[in-house]
PDB file of all heavy atoms in Angstrom:
ATOM      1  N   GLY A   1      -6.888 -50.709 -10.164  1.00  0.00           N
ATOM      2  CA  GLY A   1      -7.164 -49.564  -9.320  1.00  0.00           C
ATOM      3  C   GLY A   1      -6.039 -49.365  -8.320  1.00  0.00           C
ATOM      4  O   GLY A   1      -5.098 -50.151  -8.235  1.00  0.00           O
ATOM      5  N   VAL A   2      -6.150 -48.308  -7.531  1.00  0.00           N
ATOM      6  CA  VAL A   2      -5.142 -47.968  -6.523  1.00  0.00           C
ATOM      7  C   VAL A   2      -5.843 -47.657  -5.208  1.00  0.00           C
ATOM      8  O   VAL A   2      -6.840 -46.925  -5.186  1.00  0.00           O
ATOM      9  CB  VAL A   2      -4.306 -46.742  -6.960  1.00  0.00           C
ATOM     10  CG1 VAL A   2      -3.451 -46.227  -5.808  1.00  0.00           C
ATOM     11  CG2 VAL A   2      -3.422 -47.098  -8.144  1.00  0.00           C
ATOM     12  N   ASP A   3      -5.343 -48.231  -4.116  1.00  0.00           N
ATOM     13  CA  ASP A   3      -5.832 -47.913  -2.784  1.00  0.00           C
ATOM     14  C   ASP A   3      -4.650 -47.455  -1.936  1.00  0.00           C
ATOM     15  O   ASP A   3      -3.592 -48.096  -1.928  1.00  0.00           O
ATOM     16  CB  ASP A   3      -6.501 -49.122  -2.128  1.00  0.00           C
ATOM     17  CG  ASP A   3      -7.888 -49.377  -2.698  1.00  0.00           C
ATOM     18  OD1 ASP A   3      -8.562 -48.388  -3.051  1.00  0.00           O
ATOM     19  OD2 ASP A   3      -8.288 -50.549  -2.796  1.00  0.00           O
ATOM     20  N   ILE A   4      -4.843 -46.364  -1.205  1.00  0.00           N
ATOM     21  CA  ILE A   4      -3.769 -45.772  -0.410  1.00  0.00           C
ATOM     22  C   ILE A   4      -4.096 -45.862   1.074  1.00  0.00           C
ATOM     23  O   ILE A   4      -5.190 -45.494   1.502  1.00  0.00           O
ATOM     24  CB  ILE A   4      -3.545 -44.290  -0.781  1.00  0.00           C
ATOM     25  CG1 ILE A   4      -3.281 -44.141  -2.286  1.00  0.00           C
ATOM     26  CG2 ILE A   4      -2.399 -43.696   0.023  1.00  0.00           C
ATOM     27  CD1 ILE A   4      -2.001 -44.772  -2.767  1.00  0.00           C
ATOM     28  N   ALA A   5      -3.125 -46.345   1.852  1.00  0.00           N
ATOM     29  CA  ALA A   5      -3.203 -46.270   3.317  1.00  0.00           C
ATOM     30  C   ALA A   5      -2.358 -45.077   3.741  1.00  0.00           C
ATOM     31  O   ALA A   5      -1.160 -45.021   3.443  1.00  0.00           O
ATOM     32  CB  ALA A   5      -2.678 -47.558   3.949  1.00  0.00           C
ATOM     33  N   TRP A   6      -2.977 -44.110   4.415  1.00  0.00           N
ATOM     34  CA  TRP A   6      -2.273 -42.870   4.772  1.00  0.00           C
ATOM     35  C   TRP A   6      -1.489 -43.054   6.066  1.00  0.00           C
ATOM     36  O   TRP A   6      -1.999 -43.576   7.051  1.00  0.00           O
ATOM     37  CB  TRP A   6      -3.266 -41.727   4.906  1.00  0.00           C
ATOM     38  CG  TRP A   6      -4.019 -41.467   3.635  1.00  0.00           C
ATOM     39  CD1 TRP A   6      -5.342 -41.701   3.399  1.00  0.00           C
ATOM     40  CD2 TRP A   6      -3.481 -40.950   2.416  1.00  0.00           C
ATOM     41  NE1 TRP A   6      -5.661 -41.364   2.102  1.00  0.00           N
ATOM     42  CE2 TRP A   6      -4.539 -40.900   1.479  1.00  0.00           C
ATOM     43  CE3 TRP A   6      -2.208 -40.529   2.022  1.00  0.00           C
ATOM     44  CZ2 TRP A   6      -4.358 -40.431   0.182  1.00  0.00           C
ATOM     45  CZ3 TRP A   6      -2.036 -40.064   0.720  1.00  0.00           C
ATOM     46  CH2 TRP A   6      -3.106 -40.015  -0.182  1.00  0.00           C
ATOM     47  N   VAL A   7      -0.243 -42.599   6.030  1.00  0.00           N
ATOM     48  CA  VAL A   7       0.647 -42.734   7.178  1.00  0.00           C
ATOM     49  C   VAL A   7       1.293 -41.383   7.460  1.00  0.00           C
ATOM     50  O   VAL A   7       1.114 -40.420   6.712  1.00  0.00           O
ATOM     51  CB  VAL A   7       1.741 -43.795   6.918  1.00  0.00           C
ATOM     52  CG1 VAL A   7       1.120 -45.166   6.727  1.00  0.00           C
ATOM     53  CG2 VAL A   7       2.588 -43.426   5.699  1.00  0.00           C
ATOM     54  N   ASN A   8       2.042 -41.323   8.542  1.00  0.00           N
ATOM     55  CA  ASN A   8       2.712 -40.082   8.944  1.00  0.00           C
ATOM     56  C   ASN A   8       4.208 -40.349   9.043  1.00  0.00           C
ATOM     57  O   ASN A   8       4.676 -40.959   9.992  1.00  0.00           O
ATOM     58  CB  ASN A   8       2.154 -39.586  10.275  1.00  0.00           C
ATOM     59  CG  ASN A   8       2.837 -38.315  10.756  1.00  0.00           C
ATOM     60  OD1 ASN A   8       3.572 -37.682  10.001  1.00  0.00           O
ATOM     61  ND2 ASN A   8       2.587 -37.938  11.989  1.00  0.00           N
ATOM     62  N   THR A   9       4.971 -39.881   8.054  1.00  0.00           N
ATOM     63  CA  THR A   9       6.412 -40.106   8.058  1.00  0.00           C
ATOM     64  C   THR A   9       7.155 -39.060   8.882  1.00  0.00           C
ATOM     65  O   THR A   9       8.372 -39.142   9.025  1.00  0.00           O
ATOM     66  CB  THR A   9       6.972 -40.099   6.622  1.00  0.00           C
ATOM     67  OG1 THR A   9       6.666 -38.838   6.006  1.00  0.00           O
ATOM     68  CG2 THR A   9       6.367 -41.223   5.811  1.00  0.00           C
ATOM     69  N   GLY A  10       6.430 -38.083   9.401  1.00  0.00           N
ATOM     70  CA  GLY A  10       7.070 -37.045  10.208  1.00  0.00           C
ATOM     71  C   GLY A  10       7.107 -37.391  11.685  1.00  0.00           C
ATOM     72  O   GLY A  10       7.195 -36.497  12.526  1.00  0.00           O
ATOM     73  N   MET A  11       7.032 -38.673  12.009  1.00  0.00           N
ATOM     74  CA  MET A  11       7.047 -39.085  13.410  1.00  0.00           C
ATOM     75  C   MET A  11       8.426 -38.868  14.023  1.00  0.00           C
ATOM     76  O   MET A  11       9.437 -38.743  13.322  1.00  0.00           O
ATOM     77  CB  MET A  11       6.630 -40.551  13.525  1.00  0.00           C
ATOM     78  CG  MET A  11       5.217 -40.823  13.019  1.00  0.00           C
ATOM     79  SD  MET A  11       4.801 -42.577  13.021  1.00  0.00           S
ATOM     80  CE  MET A  11       4.741 -42.895  14.776  1.00  0.00           C
ATOM     81  N   ARG A  12       8.471 -38.877  15.341  1.00  0.00           N
ATOM     82  CA  ARG A  12       9.692 -38.535  16.064  1.00  0.00           C
ATOM     83  C   ARG A  12      10.868 -39.432  15.685  1.00  0.00           C
ATOM     84  O   ARG A  12      11.988 -38.973  15.544  1.00  0.00           O
ATOM     85  CB  ARG A  12       9.415 -38.621  17.571  1.00  0.00           C
ATOM     86  CG  ARG A  12      10.620 -38.305  18.428  1.00  0.00           C
ATOM     87  CD  ARG A  12      10.282 -38.412  19.899  1.00  0.00           C
ATOM     88  NE  ARG A  12      11.439 -38.167  20.733  1.00  0.00           N
ATOM     89  CZ  ARG A  12      11.446 -38.302  22.065  1.00  0.00           C
ATOM     90  NH1 ARG A  12      10.334 -38.669  22.687  1.00  0.00           N
ATOM     91  NH2 ARG A  12      12.540 -38.054  22.754  1.00  0.00           N
ATOM     92  N   PHE A  13      10.625 -40.723  15.510  1.00  0.00           N
ATOM     93  CA  PHE A  13      11.723 -41.649  15.247  1.00  0.00           C
ATOM     94  C   PHE A  13      11.851 -42.010  13.767  1.00  0.00           C
ATOM     95  O   PHE A  13      12.471 -42.997  13.411  1.00  0.00           O
ATOM     96  CB  PHE A  13      11.555 -42.913  16.096  1.00  0.00           C
ATOM     97  CG  PHE A  13      11.614 -42.628  17.570  1.00  0.00           C
ATOM     98  CD1 PHE A  13      10.468 -42.630  18.334  1.00  0.00           C
ATOM     99  CD2 PHE A  13      12.818 -42.320  18.171  1.00  0.00           C
ATOM    100  CE1 PHE A  13      10.520 -42.354  19.689  1.00  0.00           C
ATOM    101  CE2 PHE A  13      12.880 -42.045  19.527  1.00  0.00           C
ATOM    102  CZ  PHE A  13      11.728 -42.060  20.294  1.00  0.00           C
ATOM    103  N   GLY A  14      11.247 -41.199  12.900  1.00  0.00           N
ATOM    104  CA  GLY A  14      11.504 -41.315  11.475  1.00  0.00           C
ATOM    105  C   GLY A  14      10.679 -42.358  10.742  1.00  0.00           C
ATOM    106  O   GLY A  14       9.740 -42.953  11.269  1.00  0.00           O
ATOM    107  N   VAL A  15      11.097 -42.561   9.483  1.00  0.00           N
ATOM    108  CA  VAL A  15      10.356 -43.420   8.574  1.00  0.00           C
ATOM    109  C   VAL A  15      10.342 -44.865   9.055  1.00  0.00           C
ATOM    110  O   VAL A  15       9.385 -45.597   8.803  1.00  0.00           O
ATOM    111  CB  VAL A  15      10.966 -43.321   7.159  1.00  0.00           C
ATOM    112  CG1 VAL A  15      10.273 -44.279   6.204  1.00  0.00           C
ATOM    113  CG2 VAL A  15      10.860 -41.895   6.638  1.00  0.00           C
ATOM    114  N   GLY A  16      11.396 -45.284   9.751  1.00  0.00           N
ATOM    115  CA  GLY A  16      11.464 -46.673  10.193  1.00  0.00           C
ATOM    116  C   GLY A  16      10.265 -47.097  11.014  1.00  0.00           C
ATOM    117  O   GLY A  16       9.736 -48.203  10.854  1.00  0.00           O
ATOM    118  N   VAL A  17       9.808 -46.212  11.906  1.00  0.00           N
ATOM    119  CA  VAL A  17       8.628 -46.520  12.715  1.00  0.00           C
ATOM    120  C   VAL A  17       7.407 -46.679  11.821  1.00  0.00           C
ATOM    121  O   VAL A  17       6.578 -47.566  12.027  1.00  0.00           O
ATOM    122  CB  VAL A  17       8.392 -45.415  13.761  1.00  0.00           C
ATOM    123  CG1 VAL A  17       7.090 -45.657  14.510  1.00  0.00           C
ATOM    124  CG2 VAL A  17       9.562 -45.349  14.736  1.00  0.00           C
ATOM    125  N   THR A  18       7.314 -45.834  10.805  1.00  0.00           N
ATOM    126  CA  THR A  18       6.172 -45.911   9.896  1.00  0.00           C
ATOM    127  C   THR A  18       6.181 -47.209   9.117  1.00  0.00           C
ATOM    128  O   THR A  18       5.127 -47.797   8.855  1.00  0.00           O
ATOM    129  CB  THR A  18       6.194 -44.717   8.923  1.00  0.00           C
ATOM    130  OG1 THR A  18       6.462 -43.523   9.652  1.00  0.00           O
ATOM    131  CG2 THR A  18       4.873 -44.574   8.219  1.00  0.00           C
ATOM    132  N   PHE A  19       7.362 -47.667   8.705  1.00  0.00           N
ATOM    133  CA  PHE A  19       7.453 -48.975   8.052  1.00  0.00           C
ATOM    134  C   PHE A  19       6.878 -50.064   8.956  1.00  0.00           C
ATOM    135  O   PHE A  19       6.127 -50.934   8.517  1.00  0.00           O
ATOM    136  CB  PHE A  19       8.915 -49.314   7.749  1.00  0.00           C
ATOM    137  CG  PHE A  19       9.504 -48.556   6.599  1.00  0.00           C
ATOM    138  CD1 PHE A  19      10.876 -48.451   6.454  1.00  0.00           C
ATOM    139  CD2 PHE A  19       8.697 -47.937   5.655  1.00  0.00           C
ATOM    140  CE1 PHE A  19      11.435 -47.753   5.398  1.00  0.00           C
ATOM    141  CE2 PHE A  19       9.239 -47.235   4.599  1.00  0.00           C
ATOM    142  CZ  PHE A  19      10.613 -47.143   4.469  1.00  0.00           C
ATOM    143  N   GLY A  20       7.278 -50.031  10.222  1.00  0.00           N
ATOM    144  CA  GLY A  20       6.828 -51.061  11.155  1.00  0.00           C
ATOM    145  C   GLY A  20       5.332 -51.071  11.335  1.00  0.00           C
ATOM    146  O   GLY A  20       4.722 -52.131  11.534  1.00  0.00           O
ATOM    147  N   ASN A  21       4.707 -49.883  11.266  1.00  0.00           N
ATOM    148  CA  ASN A  21       3.261 -49.782  11.479  1.00  0.00           C
ATOM    149  C   ASN A  21       2.444 -50.070  10.226  1.00  0.00           C
ATOM    150  O   ASN A  21       1.230 -50.199  10.308  1.00  0.00           O
ATOM    151  CB  ASN A  21       2.898 -48.386  11.992  1.00  0.00           C
ATOM    152  CG  ASN A  21       3.441 -48.132  13.375  1.00  0.00           C
ATOM    153  OD1 ASN A  21       3.716 -49.062  14.121  1.00  0.00           O
ATOM    154  ND2 ASN A  21       3.620 -46.867  13.719  1.00  0.00           N
ATOM    155  N   SER A  22       3.087 -50.147   9.094  1.00  0.00           N
ATOM    156  CA  SER A  22       2.313 -50.242   7.854  1.00  0.00           C
ATOM    157  C   SER A  22       2.762 -51.414   6.978  1.00  0.00           C
ATOM    158  O   SER A  22       2.131 -52.470   6.973  1.00  0.00           O
ATOM    159  CB  SER A  22       2.421 -48.928   7.067  1.00  0.00           C
ATOM    160  OG  SER A  22       3.782 -48.623   6.795  1.00  0.00           O
ATOM    161  N   ILE A  23       3.882 -51.250   6.286  1.00  0.00           N
ATOM    162  CA  ILE A  23       4.267 -52.259   5.304  1.00  0.00           C
ATOM    163  C   ILE A  23       4.680 -53.564   5.985  1.00  0.00           C
ATOM    164  O   ILE A  23       4.455 -54.647   5.458  1.00  0.00           O
ATOM    165  CB  ILE A  23       5.389 -51.709   4.391  1.00  0.00           C
ATOM    166  CG1 ILE A  23       5.453 -52.509   3.086  1.00  0.00           C
ATOM    167  CG2 ILE A  23       6.725 -51.661   5.107  1.00  0.00           C
ATOM    168  CD1 ILE A  23       6.285 -51.835   2.004  1.00  0.00           C
ATOM    169  N   ASP A  24       5.262 -53.482   7.190  1.00  0.00           N
ATOM    170  CA  ASP A  24       5.626 -54.705   7.913  1.00  0.00           C
ATOM    171  C   ASP A  24       4.385 -55.494   8.328  1.00  0.00           C
ATOM    172  O   ASP A  24       4.440 -56.712   8.480  1.00  0.00           O
ATOM    173  CB  ASP A  24       6.449 -54.366   9.154  1.00  0.00           C
ATOM    174  CG  ASP A  24       7.887 -54.006   8.799  1.00  0.00           C
ATOM    175  OD1 ASP A  24       8.255 -54.133   7.615  1.00  0.00           O
ATOM    176  OD2 ASP A  24       8.640 -53.594   9.700  1.00  0.00           O
ATOM    177  N   ASN A  25       3.277 -54.800   8.523  1.00  0.00           N
ATOM    178  CA  ASN A  25       2.035 -55.457   8.941  1.00  0.00           C
ATOM    179  C   ASN A  25       1.165 -55.887   7.766  1.00  0.00           C
ATOM    180  O   ASN A  25       0.016 -56.282   7.963  1.00  0.00           O
ATOM    181  CB  ASN A  25       1.235 -54.522   9.851  1.00  0.00           C
ATOM    182  CG  ASN A  25       1.884 -54.343  11.215  1.00  0.00           C
ATOM    183  OD1 ASN A  25       2.641 -55.199  11.668  1.00  0.00           O
ATOM    184  ND2 ASN A  25       1.594 -53.228  11.867  1.00  0.00           N
ATOM    185  N   GLY A  26       1.694 -55.775   6.557  1.00  0.00           N
ATOM    186  CA  GLY A  26       0.939 -56.227   5.394  1.00  0.00           C
ATOM    187  C   GLY A  26      -0.169 -55.290   4.967  1.00  0.00           C
ATOM    188  O   GLY A  26      -1.066 -55.682   4.213  1.00  0.00           O
ATOM    189  N   ILE A  27      -0.137 -54.040   5.432  1.00  0.00           N
ATOM    190  CA  ILE A  27      -1.177 -53.086   5.053  1.00  0.00           C
ATOM    191  C   ILE A  27      -1.007 -52.656   3.597  1.00  0.00           C
ATOM    192  O   ILE A  27      -1.967 -52.356   2.907  1.00  0.00           O
ATOM    193  CB  ILE A  27      -1.151 -51.867   6.003  1.00  0.00           C
ATOM    194  CG1 ILE A  27      -1.588 -52.301   7.406  1.00  0.00           C
ATOM    195  CG2 ILE A  27      -2.036 -50.743   5.493  1.00  0.00           C
ATOM    196  CD1 ILE A  27      -1.510 -51.212   8.437  1.00  0.00           C
ATOM    197  N   CYS A  28       0.241 -52.610   3.130  1.00  0.00           N
ATOM    198  CA  CYS A  28       0.497 -52.195   1.756  1.00  0.00           C
ATOM    199  C   CYS A  28       1.715 -52.937   1.223  1.00  0.00           C
ATOM    200  O   CYS A  28       2.476 -53.547   1.986  1.00  0.00           O
ATOM    201  CB  CYS A  28       0.702 -50.677   1.665  1.00  0.00           C
ATOM    202  SG  CYS A  28       2.029 -50.066   2.735  1.00  0.00           S
ATOM    203  N   ASP A  29       1.902 -52.869  -0.094  1.00  0.00           N
ATOM    204  CA  ASP A  29       3.033 -53.528  -0.744  1.00  0.00           C
ATOM    205  C   ASP A  29       4.099 -52.546  -1.197  1.00  0.00           C
ATOM    206  O   ASP A  29       5.239 -52.940  -1.459  1.00  0.00           O
ATOM    207  CB  ASP A  29       2.549 -54.331  -1.956  1.00  0.00           C
ATOM    208  CG  ASP A  29       1.640 -55.487  -1.550  1.00  0.00           C
ATOM    209  OD1 ASP A  29       2.018 -56.226  -0.619  1.00  0.00           O
ATOM    210  OD2 ASP A  29       0.566 -55.644  -2.149  1.00  0.00           O
ATOM    211  N   ILE A  30       3.731 -51.261  -1.329  1.00  0.00           N
ATOM    212  CA  ILE A  30       4.657 -50.232  -1.812  1.00  0.00           C
ATOM    213  C   ILE A  30       4.587 -49.038  -0.880  1.00  0.00           C
ATOM    214  O   ILE A  30       3.493 -48.622  -0.482  1.00  0.00           O
ATOM    215  CB  ILE A  30       4.313 -49.794  -3.244  1.00  0.00           C
ATOM    216  CG1 ILE A  30       4.218 -50.997  -4.185  1.00  0.00           C
ATOM    217  CG2 ILE A  30       5.321 -48.783  -3.774  1.00  0.00           C
ATOM    218  CD1 ILE A  30       3.683 -50.650  -5.565  1.00  0.00           C
ATOM    219  N   PHE A  31       5.742 -48.483  -0.549  1.00  0.00           N
ATOM    220  CA  PHE A  31       5.802 -47.291   0.294  1.00  0.00           C
ATOM    221  C   PHE A  31       6.298 -46.136  -0.567  1.00  0.00           C
ATOM    222  O   PHE A  31       7.427 -46.148  -1.048  1.00  0.00           O
ATOM    223  CB  PHE A  31       6.742 -47.520   1.483  1.00  0.00           C
ATOM    224  CG  PHE A  31       6.475 -46.611   2.644  1.00  0.00           C
ATOM    225  CD1 PHE A  31       5.790 -47.066   3.759  1.00  0.00           C
ATOM    226  CD2 PHE A  31       6.909 -45.287   2.620  1.00  0.00           C
ATOM    227  CE1 PHE A  31       5.536 -46.225   4.828  1.00  0.00           C
ATOM    228  CE2 PHE A  31       6.664 -44.443   3.676  1.00  0.00           C
ATOM    229  CZ  PHE A  31       5.977 -44.910   4.790  1.00  0.00           C
ATOM    230  N   LEU A  32       5.446 -45.117  -0.763  1.00  0.00           N
ATOM    231  CA  LEU A  32       5.754 -44.013  -1.668  1.00  0.00           C
ATOM    232  C   LEU A  32       6.517 -42.897  -0.950  1.00  0.00           C
ATOM    233  O   LEU A  32       6.590 -42.843   0.270  1.00  0.00           O
ATOM    234  CB  LEU A  32       4.457 -43.443  -2.258  1.00  0.00           C
ATOM    235  CG  LEU A  32       3.475 -44.427  -2.896  1.00  0.00           C
ATOM    236  CD1 LEU A  32       2.307 -43.662  -3.504  1.00  0.00           C
ATOM    237  CD2 LEU A  32       4.147 -45.282  -3.940  1.00  0.00           C
ATOM    238  N   GLY A  33       7.074 -41.983  -1.772  1.00  0.00           N
ATOM    239  CA  GLY A  33       7.597 -40.732  -1.239  1.00  0.00           C
ATOM    240  C   GLY A  33       8.913 -40.814  -0.500  1.00  0.00           C
ATOM    241  O   GLY A  33       9.095 -40.115   0.500  1.00  0.00           O
ATOM    242  N   LEU A  34       9.862 -41.614  -0.970  1.00  0.00           N
ATOM    243  CA  LEU A  34      11.146 -41.757  -0.281  1.00  0.00           C
ATOM    244  C   LEU A  34      12.270 -41.132  -1.105  1.00  0.00           C
ATOM    245  O   LEU A  34      12.211 -41.075  -2.332  1.00  0.00           O
ATOM    246  CB  LEU A  34      11.459 -43.231  -0.030  1.00  0.00           C
ATOM    247  CG  LEU A  34      10.425 -44.010   0.798  1.00  0.00           C
ATOM    248  CD1 LEU A  34      10.864 -45.462   0.941  1.00  0.00           C
ATOM    249  CD2 LEU A  34      10.238 -43.367   2.176  1.00  0.00           C
ATOM    250  N   ASN A  35      13.295 -40.655  -0.410  1.00  0.00           N
ATOM    251  CA  ASN A  35      14.514 -40.168  -1.041  1.00  0.00           C
ATOM    252  C   ASN A  35      15.673 -41.071  -0.638  1.00  0.00           C
ATOM    253  O   ASN A  35      15.770 -41.478   0.528  1.00  0.00           O
ATOM    254  CB  ASN A  35      14.812 -38.729  -0.627  1.00  0.00           C
ATOM    255  CG  ASN A  35      13.880 -37.733  -1.287  1.00  0.00           C
ATOM    256  OD1 ASN A  35      13.631 -37.804  -2.488  1.00  0.00           O
ATOM    257  ND2 ASN A  35      13.349 -36.808  -0.506  1.00  0.00           N
ATOM    258  N   ILE A  36      16.544 -41.366  -1.575  1.00  0.00           N
ATOM    259  CA  ILE A  36      17.714 -42.189  -1.290  1.00  0.00           C
ATOM    260  C   ILE A  36      18.812 -41.258  -0.773  1.00  0.00           C
ATOM    261  O   ILE A  36      19.477 -40.558  -1.550  1.00  0.00           O
ATOM    262  CB  ILE A  36      18.172 -42.943  -2.547  1.00  0.00           C
ATOM    263  CG1 ILE A  36      17.024 -43.792  -3.102  1.00  0.00           C
ATOM    264  CG2 ILE A  36      19.380 -43.821  -2.227  1.00  0.00           C
ATOM    265  CD1 ILE A  36      17.350 -44.495  -4.404  1.00  0.00           C
ATOM    266  N   THR A  37      18.978 -41.220   0.532  1.00  0.00           N
ATOM    267  CA  THR A  37      19.905 -40.275   1.148  1.00  0.00           C
ATOM    268  C   THR A  37      21.288 -40.882   1.387  1.00  0.00           C
ATOM    269  O   THR A  37      22.180 -40.171   1.832  1.00  0.00           O
ATOM    270  CB  THR A  37      19.350 -39.785   2.489  1.00  0.00           C
ATOM    271  OG1 THR A  37      19.234 -40.898   3.378  1.00  0.00           O
ATOM    272  CG2 THR A  37      17.989 -39.129   2.296  1.00  0.00           C
ATOM    273  N   ARG A  38      21.440 -42.144   1.140  1.00  0.00           N
ATOM    274  CA  ARG A  38      22.681 -42.895   1.406  1.00  0.00           C
ATOM    275  C   ARG A  38      22.935 -43.066   2.896  1.00  0.00           C
ATOM    276  O   ARG A  38      24.014 -43.489   3.307  1.00  0.00           O
ATOM    277  CB  ARG A  38      23.892 -42.214   0.742  1.00  0.00           C
ATOM    278  CG  ARG A  38      23.699 -41.831  -0.714  1.00  0.00           C
ATOM    279  CD  ARG A  38      23.349 -43.007  -1.602  1.00  0.00           C
ATOM    280  NE  ARG A  38      24.387 -44.010  -1.656  1.00  0.00           N
ATOM    281  CZ  ARG A  38      25.481 -43.914  -2.412  1.00  0.00           C
ATOM    282  NH1 ARG A  38      25.655 -42.878  -3.203  1.00  0.00           N
ATOM    283  NH2 ARG A  38      26.383 -44.870  -2.408  1.00  0.00           N
TER     284      ARG A  38
END
């Protein structure tokens, strides 16, 4: 099965803050919806 934790990547300081609030805290193992911008 699949379980999704919903986050907000449109925060003022970008995706990095969202990483800290979610995947860094062990809430999920995969972070979806990213573009490789270089």
